Amino acid sequence: MDSHNKIIQQVANDVFSPMGFFQKGKSRTWLYDCGYCFVQVEFQPSAYSRGSFCNVGIAFLFDYFGGLNETLAFDFGRKRILLGKTDFIEYTGDDEIFETQVFQLANNALKYAKWLMRFQSLKYGNHCMSRLIFSKWLKELLGKWNGPIYDYYNAAMIKFLLGKLDCGRRLIEKLNSLKLESPFKEWAEHSYSEFCDDELTAEQARNKVCSMINRRRNYFKQKGSFRKMPDKNFL
């Protein structure tokens, strides 16, 4: 392993492990388990030089489609962490300087990650997603692009987990009303059929979401890179 990768992994482990994060395999990614989502800290390499960017955000564990269920994305709050005014720290051969920079970058990332760790509370997650949906509505009124369509779905799943059946349905109805192309169209239609049945109860909707979360959790648990993931189901 290159010297700069060793430094990144050691420093990141020192900063994030005491806070309850686990390293994904031997990668440069650390995860904090919130049950229905992960807080994800990624020390992203550059294709052009040795060093690192750092990205932090939420990865939800809801059902999507295709290969999206087999990986983690930045679904909410993705932020490129800065060190001063730069978003990339380059390794120039001086281990001591680079280690100091990585430590500072990691601590900046942790400050932001601590805010996202509050997503452990579904009520807090719902608060943040509700604000996001309101922002999307305002942008739509102004004729502006209002962000990924997944936002409606993710916000709906949290509503269902909280027993807010009608609120969740309205978001799924909004998703299904959008002019989408394949495979998004089929995914939206499937979500509509799953959650907008008039006979569906709030408890049944919640159980559906819990089942999808646990399916993805079990999928990741079987992968060697997730052996440090807490062994628990989402209830």
C-alpha atoms as a PDB file:
ATOM      1  CA  MET A   1       0.000   0.000   0.000  1.00  0.00           C
ATOM      2  CA  ASP A   2       1.274   3.461  -0.903  1.00  0.00           C
ATOM      3  CA  SER A   3       2.479   5.667   1.932  1.00  0.00           C
ATOM      4  CA  HIS A   4      -0.243   8.275   1.415  1.00  0.00           C
ATOM      5  CA  ASN A   5      -2.986   5.615   1.529  1.00  0.00           C
ATOM      6  CA  LYS A   6      -1.578   4.237   4.775  1.00  0.00           C
ATOM      7  CA  ILE A   7      -1.624   7.728   6.273  1.00  0.00           C
ATOM      8  CA  ILE A   8      -5.224   8.358   5.195  1.00  0.00           C
ATOM      9  CA  GLN A   9      -6.432   5.044   6.597  1.00  0.00           C
ATOM     10  CA  GLN A  10      -4.590   5.427   9.905  1.00  0.00           C
ATOM     11  CA  VAL A  11      -5.674   9.018  10.501  1.00  0.00           C
ATOM     12  CA  ALA A  12      -9.265   8.363   9.439  1.00  0.00           C
ATOM     13  CA  ASN A  13      -9.408   5.340  11.715  1.00  0.00           C
ATOM     14  CA  ASP A  14      -8.101   7.395  14.641  1.00  0.00           C
ATOM     15  CA  VAL A  15     -10.674  10.141  14.026  1.00  0.00           C
ATOM     16  CA  PHE A  16     -13.790   8.164  13.095  1.00  0.00           C
ATOM     17  CA  SER A  17     -13.578   4.807  14.886  1.00  0.00           C
ATOM     18  CA  PRO A  18     -13.942   6.337  18.395  1.00  0.00           C
ATOM     19  CA  MET A  19     -17.162   7.998  17.143  1.00  0.00           C
ATOM     20  CA  GLY A  20     -18.692   4.651  16.154  1.00  0.00           C
ATOM     21  CA  PHE A  21     -17.796   4.591  12.445  1.00  0.00           C
ATOM     22  CA  PHE A  22     -16.483   1.439  10.767  1.00  0.00           C
ATOM     23  CA  GLN A  23     -14.213   1.157   7.769  1.00  0.00           C
ATOM     24  CA  LYS A  24     -15.707  -0.443   4.654  1.00  0.00           C
ATOM     25  CA  GLY A  25     -13.232  -3.232   3.991  1.00  0.00           C
ATOM     26  CA  LYS A  26      -9.828  -1.807   3.132  1.00  0.00           C
ATOM     27  CA  SER A  27     -11.315   1.144   1.292  1.00  0.00           C
ATOM     28  CA  ARG A  28     -11.035   4.839   2.103  1.00  0.00           C
ATOM     29  CA  THR A  29     -14.670   4.972   3.233  1.00  0.00           C
ATOM     30  CA  TRP A  30     -15.998   5.065   6.805  1.00  0.00           C
ATOM     31  CA  LEU A  31     -19.651   4.445   7.696  1.00  0.00           C
ATOM     32  CA  TYR A  32     -21.841   5.273  10.683  1.00  0.00           C
ATOM     33  CA  ASP A  33     -24.877   3.018  11.029  1.00  0.00           C
ATOM     34  CA  CYS A  34     -28.166   4.808  11.690  1.00  0.00           C
ATOM     35  CA  GLY A  35     -30.292   1.724  11.013  1.00  0.00           C
ATOM     36  CA  TYR A  36     -32.217   2.945   7.967  1.00  0.00           C
ATOM     37  CA  CYS A  37     -29.243   4.849   6.545  1.00  0.00           C
ATOM     38  CA  PHE A  38     -25.497   5.279   6.783  1.00  0.00           C
ATOM     39  CA  VAL A  39     -23.522   8.448   7.307  1.00  0.00           C
ATOM     40  CA  GLN A  40     -20.814   8.013   4.683  1.00  0.00           C
ATOM     41  CA  VAL A  41     -17.358   9.593   4.791  1.00  0.00           C
ATOM     42  CA  GLU A  42     -15.351   8.983   1.626  1.00  0.00           C
ATOM     43  CA  PHE A  43     -11.727   9.969   1.113  1.00  0.00           C
ATOM     44  CA  GLN A  44     -11.966  10.110  -2.659  1.00  0.00           C
ATOM     45  CA  PRO A  45      -8.763   9.616  -4.676  1.00  0.00           C
ATOM     46  CA  SER A  46      -7.859  11.677  -7.709  1.00  0.00           C
ATOM     47  CA  ALA A  47      -7.207  10.167 -11.111  1.00  0.00           C
ATOM     48  CA  TYR A  48      -4.367  12.624 -11.669  1.00  0.00           C
ATOM     49  CA  SER A  49      -2.315  12.866  -8.481  1.00  0.00           C
ATOM     50  CA  ARG A  50      -1.812  11.238  -5.101  1.00  0.00           C
ATOM     51  CA  GLY A  51      -3.902  12.722  -2.334  1.00  0.00           C
ATOM     52  CA  SER A  52      -7.557  12.991  -1.435  1.00  0.00           C
ATOM     53  CA  PHE A  53     -10.862  14.774  -1.686  1.00  0.00           C
ATOM     54  CA  CYS A  54     -13.348  14.137   1.110  1.00  0.00           C
ATOM     55  CA  ASN A  55     -17.099  13.695   0.635  1.00  0.00           C
ATOM     56  CA  VAL A  56     -19.684  13.276   3.397  1.00  0.00           C
ATOM     57  CA  GLY A  57     -23.391  12.494   3.118  1.00  0.00           C
ATOM     58  CA  ILE A  58     -26.299  10.185   3.883  1.00  0.00           C
ATOM     59  CA  ALA A  59     -26.832   6.848   2.104  1.00  0.00           C
ATOM     60  CA  PHE A  60     -30.385   5.557   2.599  1.00  0.00           C
ATOM     61  CA  LEU A  61     -31.112   1.819   2.686  1.00  0.00           C
ATOM     62  CA  PHE A  62     -34.452   1.880   0.887  1.00  0.00           C
ATOM     63  CA  ASP A  63     -35.262  -0.153  -2.240  1.00  0.00           C
ATOM     64  CA  TYR A  64     -34.397   1.418  -5.591  1.00  0.00           C
ATOM     65  CA  PHE A  65     -33.790  -0.609  -8.744  1.00  0.00           C
ATOM     66  CA  GLY A  66     -31.066  -2.515 -10.535  1.00  0.00           C
ATOM     67  CA  GLY A  67     -27.534  -2.128  -9.290  1.00  0.00           C
ATOM     68  CA  LEU A  68     -28.487   0.806  -7.066  1.00  0.00           C
ATOM     69  CA  ASN A  69     -29.486  -1.678  -4.366  1.00  0.00           C
ATOM     70  CA  GLU A  70     -26.008  -3.195  -4.397  1.00  0.00           C
ATOM     71  CA  THR A  71     -24.063  -0.049  -3.614  1.00  0.00           C
ATOM     72  CA  LEU A  72     -24.206   3.071  -1.459  1.00  0.00           C
ATOM     73  CA  ALA A  73     -24.877   6.522  -2.866  1.00  0.00           C
ATOM     74  CA  PHE A  74     -24.908  10.047  -1.485  1.00  0.00           C
ATOM     75  CA  ASP A  75     -28.684  10.421  -1.227  1.00  0.00           C
ATOM     76  CA  PHE A  76     -28.893  13.442   1.060  1.00  0.00           C
ATOM     77  CA  GLY A  77     -26.631  16.223   2.246  1.00  0.00           C
ATOM     78  CA  ARG A  78     -23.601  15.390   0.114  1.00  0.00           C
ATOM     79  CA  LYS A  79     -20.853  17.874   0.863  1.00  0.00           C
ATOM     80  CA  ARG A  80     -17.298  18.212  -0.415  1.00  0.00           C
ATOM     81  CA  ILE A  81     -15.217  19.031   2.661  1.00  0.00           C
ATOM     82  CA  LEU A  82     -12.740  21.881   2.425  1.00  0.00           C
ATOM     83  CA  LEU A  83      -9.371  22.454   4.060  1.00  0.00           C
ATOM     84  CA  GLY A  84      -9.097  26.208   4.011  1.00  0.00           C
ATOM     85  CA  LYS A  85     -10.153  27.118   0.482  1.00  0.00           C
ATOM     86  CA  THR A  86      -9.079  23.883  -1.190  1.00  0.00           C
ATOM     87  CA  ASP A  87     -11.047  20.662  -1.610  1.00  0.00           C
ATOM     88  CA  PHE A  88      -8.026  18.472  -2.449  1.00  0.00           C
ATOM     89  CA  ILE A  89      -4.926  17.730  -0.395  1.00  0.00           C
ATOM     90  CA  GLU A  90      -1.999  16.502  -2.435  1.00  0.00           C
ATOM     91  CA  TYR A  91       0.691  14.146  -1.240  1.00  0.00           C
ATOM     92  CA  THR A  92       4.048  15.564  -2.314  1.00  0.00           C
ATOM     93  CA  GLY A  93       6.284  13.062  -0.522  1.00  0.00           C
ATOM     94  CA  ASP A  94       6.396  14.653   2.930  1.00  0.00           C
ATOM     95  CA  ASP A  95       4.575  12.220   5.242  1.00  0.00           C
ATOM     96  CA  GLU A  96       4.477  14.592   8.212  1.00  0.00           C
ATOM     97  CA  ILE A  97       2.876  17.476   6.313  1.00  0.00           C
ATOM     98  CA  PHE A  98       0.381  15.167   4.620  1.00  0.00           C
ATOM     99  CA  GLU A  99      -0.583  13.505   7.898  1.00  0.00           C
ATOM    100  CA  THR A 100      -1.292  16.919   9.436  1.00  0.00           C
ATOM    101  CA  GLN A 101      -3.440  17.909   6.466  1.00  0.00           C
ATOM    102  CA  VAL A 102      -5.382  14.633   6.518  1.00  0.00           C
ATOM    103  CA  PHE A 103      -6.002  15.047  10.254  1.00  0.00           C
ATOM    104  CA  GLN A 104      -7.369  18.552   9.709  1.00  0.00           C
ATOM    105  CA  LEU A 105      -9.515  17.414   6.760  1.00  0.00           C
ATOM    106  CA  ALA A 106     -10.856  14.445   8.732  1.00  0.00           C
ATOM    107  CA  ASN A 107     -11.816  16.647  11.660  1.00  0.00           C
ATOM    108  CA  ASN A 108     -13.589  19.068   9.329  1.00  0.00           C
ATOM    109  CA  ALA A 109     -15.454  16.084   7.904  1.00  0.00           C
ATOM    110  CA  LEU A 110     -16.351  14.878  11.393  1.00  0.00           C
ATOM    111  CA  LYS A 111     -17.888  18.227  12.301  1.00  0.00           C
ATOM    112  CA  TYR A 112     -20.295  17.911   9.389  1.00  0.00           C
ATOM    113  CA  ALA A 113     -20.818  14.178   9.929  1.00  0.00           C
ATOM    114  CA  LYS A 114     -21.949  14.843  13.514  1.00  0.00           C
ATOM    115  CA  TRP A 115     -24.878  16.840  12.145  1.00  0.00           C
ATOM    116  CA  LEU A 116     -25.826  13.964   9.840  1.00  0.00           C
ATOM    117  CA  MET A 117     -25.486  11.446  12.683  1.00  0.00           C
ATOM    118  CA  ARG A 118     -28.613  13.043  14.119  1.00  0.00           C
ATOM    119  CA  PHE A 119     -30.490  11.102  11.430  1.00  0.00           C
ATOM    120  CA  GLN A 120     -30.493   8.273  13.976  1.00  0.00           C
ATOM    121  CA  SER A 121     -33.697   9.983  15.046  1.00  0.00           C
ATOM    122  CA  LEU A 122     -36.416   9.368  12.452  1.00  0.00           C
ATOM    123  CA  LYS A 123     -38.115  12.544  13.599  1.00  0.00           C
ATOM    124  CA  TYR A 124     -34.979  14.530  12.836  1.00  0.00           C
ATOM    125  CA  GLY A 125     -34.594  12.790   9.466  1.00  0.00           C
ATOM    126  CA  ASN A 126     -38.211  13.634   8.701  1.00  0.00           C
ATOM    127  CA  HIS A 127     -37.625  17.265   9.661  1.00  0.00           C
ATOM    128  CA  CYS A 128     -34.660  17.563   7.279  1.00  0.00           C
ATOM    129  CA  MET A 129     -36.400  15.784   4.413  1.00  0.00           C
ATOM    130  CA  SER A 130     -39.561  17.880   4.874  1.00  0.00           C
ATOM    131  CA  ARG A 131     -37.492  21.041   4.560  1.00  0.00           C
ATOM    132  CA  LEU A 132     -35.898  19.628   1.415  1.00  0.00           C
ATOM    133  CA  ILE A 133     -39.294  18.835  -0.129  1.00  0.00           C
ATOM    134  CA  PHE A 134     -40.523  22.350   0.657  1.00  0.00           C
ATOM    135  CA  SER A 135     -37.427  23.757  -1.055  1.00  0.00           C
ATOM    136  CA  LYS A 136     -38.100  21.563  -4.097  1.00  0.00           C
ATOM    137  CA  TRP A 137     -41.674  22.846  -4.238  1.00  0.00           C
ATOM    138  CA  LEU A 138     -40.488  26.478  -4.220  1.00  0.00           C
ATOM    139  CA  LYS A 139     -37.945  25.822  -6.975  1.00  0.00           C
ATOM    140  CA  GLU A 140     -40.591  24.096  -9.050  1.00  0.00           C
ATOM    141  CA  LEU A 141     -42.865  27.132  -8.724  1.00  0.00           C
ATOM    142  CA  LEU A 142     -40.021  29.294  -9.995  1.00  0.00           C
ATOM    143  CA  GLY A 143     -39.420  26.987 -12.935  1.00  0.00           C
ATOM    144  CA  LYS A 144     -36.021  25.867 -11.668  1.00  0.00           C
ATOM    145  CA  TRP A 145     -34.505  22.392 -11.561  1.00  0.00           C
ATOM    146  CA  ASN A 146     -35.345  21.160  -8.087  1.00  0.00           C
ATOM    147  CA  GLY A 147     -33.020  18.227  -7.594  1.00  0.00           C
ATOM    148  CA  PRO A 148     -33.161  14.427  -7.886  1.00  0.00           C
ATOM    149  CA  ILE A 149     -36.507  12.616  -8.094  1.00  0.00           C
ATOM    150  CA  TYR A 150     -35.266  10.232  -5.384  1.00  0.00           C
ATOM    151  CA  ASP A 151     -35.870  12.949  -2.801  1.00  0.00           C
ATOM    152  CA  TYR A 152     -39.646  12.429  -2.987  1.00  0.00           C
ATOM    153  CA  TYR A 153     -39.238   8.687  -2.530  1.00  0.00           C
ATOM    154  CA  ASN A 154     -36.746   8.914   0.340  1.00  0.00           C
ATOM    155  CA  ALA A 155     -38.913  11.464   2.150  1.00  0.00           C
ATOM    156  CA  ALA A 156     -41.953   9.210   1.664  1.00  0.00           C
ATOM    157  CA  MET A 157     -40.176   6.174   3.135  1.00  0.00           C
ATOM    158  CA  ILE A 158     -39.356   8.129   6.293  1.00  0.00           C
ATOM    159  CA  LYS A 159     -42.993   9.249   6.533  1.00  0.00           C
ATOM    160  CA  PHE A 160     -44.099   5.605   6.335  1.00  0.00           C
ATOM    161  CA  LEU A 161     -41.600   4.613   9.037  1.00  0.00           C
ATOM    162  CA  LEU A 162     -43.196   7.235  11.286  1.00  0.00           C
ATOM    163  CA  GLY A 163     -46.704   6.003  10.543  1.00  0.00           C
ATOM    164  CA  LYS A 164     -47.585   9.081   8.466  1.00  0.00           C
ATOM    165  CA  LEU A 165     -49.381   7.125   5.740  1.00  0.00           C
ATOM    166  CA  ASP A 166     -51.220   9.970   3.991  1.00  0.00           C
ATOM    167  CA  CYS A 167     -48.146  12.229   3.924  1.00  0.00           C
ATOM    168  CA  GLY A 168     -46.034   9.444   2.449  1.00  0.00           C
ATOM    169  CA  ARG A 169     -48.652   8.643  -0.165  1.00  0.00           C
ATOM    170  CA  ARG A 170     -48.795  12.232  -1.360  1.00  0.00           C
ATOM    171  CA  LEU A 171     -45.049  12.133  -1.985  1.00  0.00           C
ATOM    172  CA  ILE A 172     -45.306   8.839  -3.889  1.00  0.00           C
ATOM    173  CA  GLU A 173     -48.186  10.290  -5.927  1.00  0.00           C
ATOM    174  CA  LYS A 174     -45.975  13.273  -6.751  1.00  0.00           C
ATOM    175  CA  LEU A 175     -43.163  10.955  -7.840  1.00  0.00           C
ATOM    176  CA  ASN A 176     -45.526   8.942 -10.035  1.00  0.00           C
ATOM    177  CA  SER A 177     -46.948  12.107 -11.633  1.00  0.00           C
ATOM    178  CA  LEU A 178     -43.562  13.169 -13.031  1.00  0.00           C
ATOM    179  CA  LYS A 179     -42.736  12.608 -16.690  1.00  0.00           C
ATOM    180  CA  LEU A 180     -40.096   9.912 -16.339  1.00  0.00           C
ATOM    181  CA  GLU A 181     -38.316   7.597 -18.718  1.00  0.00           C
ATOM    182  CA  SER A 182     -37.423   3.939 -18.190  1.00  0.00           C
ATOM    183  CA  PRO A 183     -36.317   2.589 -15.708  1.00  0.00           C
ATOM    184  CA  PHE A 184     -37.450   5.485 -13.506  1.00  0.00           C
ATOM    185  CA  LYS A 185     -41.005   5.311 -14.821  1.00  0.00           C
ATOM    186  CA  GLU A 186     -41.395   1.632 -13.915  1.00  0.00           C
ATOM    187  CA  TRP A 187     -39.826   2.230 -10.499  1.00  0.00           C
ATOM    188  CA  ALA A 188     -42.243   5.080  -9.760  1.00  0.00           C
ATOM    189  CA  GLU A 189     -45.211   3.003 -10.913  1.00  0.00           C
ATOM    190  CA  HIS A 190     -44.099   0.085  -8.743  1.00  0.00           C
ATOM    191  CA  SER A 191     -43.745   2.388  -5.731  1.00  0.00           C
ATOM    192  CA  TYR A 192     -47.240   3.716  -6.389  1.00  0.00           C
ATOM    193  CA  SER A 193     -48.739   0.229  -6.553  1.00  0.00           C
ATOM    194  CA  GLU A 194     -46.924  -0.783  -3.371  1.00  0.00           C
ATOM    195  CA  PHE A 195     -47.897   2.175  -1.196  1.00  0.00           C
ATOM    196  CA  CYS A 196     -51.000   3.811  -2.665  1.00  0.00           C
ATOM    197  CA  ASP A 197     -53.411   0.913  -2.355  1.00  0.00           C
ATOM    198  CA  ASP A 198     -56.507   2.226  -0.556  1.00  0.00           C
ATOM    199  CA  GLU A 199     -56.588  -0.841   1.705  1.00  0.00           C
ATOM    200  CA  LEU A 200     -52.979  -0.439   2.875  1.00  0.00           C
ATOM    201  CA  THR A 201     -52.684   0.474   6.558  1.00  0.00           C
ATOM    202  CA  ALA A 202     -50.022   2.632   8.169  1.00  0.00           C
ATOM    203  CA  GLU A 203     -48.625  -0.423   9.948  1.00  0.00           C
ATOM    204  CA  GLN A 204     -48.414  -2.400   6.700  1.00  0.00           C
ATOM    205  CA  ALA A 205     -46.633   0.477   4.978  1.00  0.00           C
ATOM    206  CA  ARG A 206     -44.132   0.702   7.813  1.00  0.00           C
ATOM    207  CA  ASN A 207     -43.527  -3.057   7.665  1.00  0.00           C
ATOM    208  CA  LYS A 208     -42.880  -2.857   3.919  1.00  0.00           C
ATOM    209  CA  VAL A 209     -40.213  -0.210   4.443  1.00  0.00           C
ATOM    210  CA  CYS A 210     -38.629  -2.115   7.344  1.00  0.00           C
ATOM    211  CA  SER A 211     -38.456  -5.231   5.158  1.00  0.00           C
ATOM    212  CA  MET A 212     -36.679  -3.403   2.339  1.00  0.00           C
ATOM    213  CA  ILE A 213     -34.185  -1.881   4.776  1.00  0.00           C
ATOM    214  CA  ASN A 214     -33.411  -5.263   6.297  1.00  0.00           C
ATOM    215  CA  ARG A 215     -33.044  -6.866   2.848  1.00  0.00           C
ATOM    216  CA  ARG A 216     -30.341  -4.369   1.971  1.00  0.00           C
ATOM    217  CA  ARG A 217     -28.741  -4.629   5.398  1.00  0.00           C
ATOM    218  CA  ASN A 218     -28.580  -8.425   5.024  1.00  0.00           C
ATOM    219  CA  TYR A 219     -27.140  -8.060   1.528  1.00  0.00           C
ATOM    220  CA  PHE A 220     -24.321  -5.874   2.796  1.00  0.00           C
ATOM    221  CA  LYS A 221     -23.694  -8.061   5.859  1.00  0.00           C
ATOM    222  CA  GLN A 222     -22.815 -10.946   3.548  1.00  0.00           C
ATOM    223  CA  LYS A 223     -20.047  -8.923   1.898  1.00  0.00           C
ATOM    224  CA  GLY A 224     -16.568  -9.173   3.382  1.00  0.00           C
ATOM    225  CA  SER A 225     -16.114  -5.403   3.177  1.00  0.00           C
ATOM    226  CA  PHE A 226     -19.015  -4.967   5.633  1.00  0.00           C
ATOM    227  CA  ARG A 227     -17.875  -7.469   8.257  1.00  0.00           C
ATOM    228  CA  LYS A 228     -17.487  -4.627  10.784  1.00  0.00           C
ATOM    229  CA  MET A 229     -21.089  -3.508  10.226  1.00  0.00           C
ATOM    230  CA  PRO A 230     -23.211  -3.810  13.405  1.00  0.00           C
ATOM    231  CA  ASP A 231     -25.122  -7.101  13.377  1.00  0.00           C
ATOM    232  CA  LYS A 232     -28.662  -5.883  13.872  1.00  0.00           C
ATOM    233  CA  ASN A 233     -31.933  -5.572  12.000  1.00  0.00           C
ATOM    234  CA  PHE A 234     -34.014  -2.434  11.684  1.00  0.00           C
ATOM    235  CA  LEU A 235     -37.300  -2.799  13.561  1.00  0.00           C
END
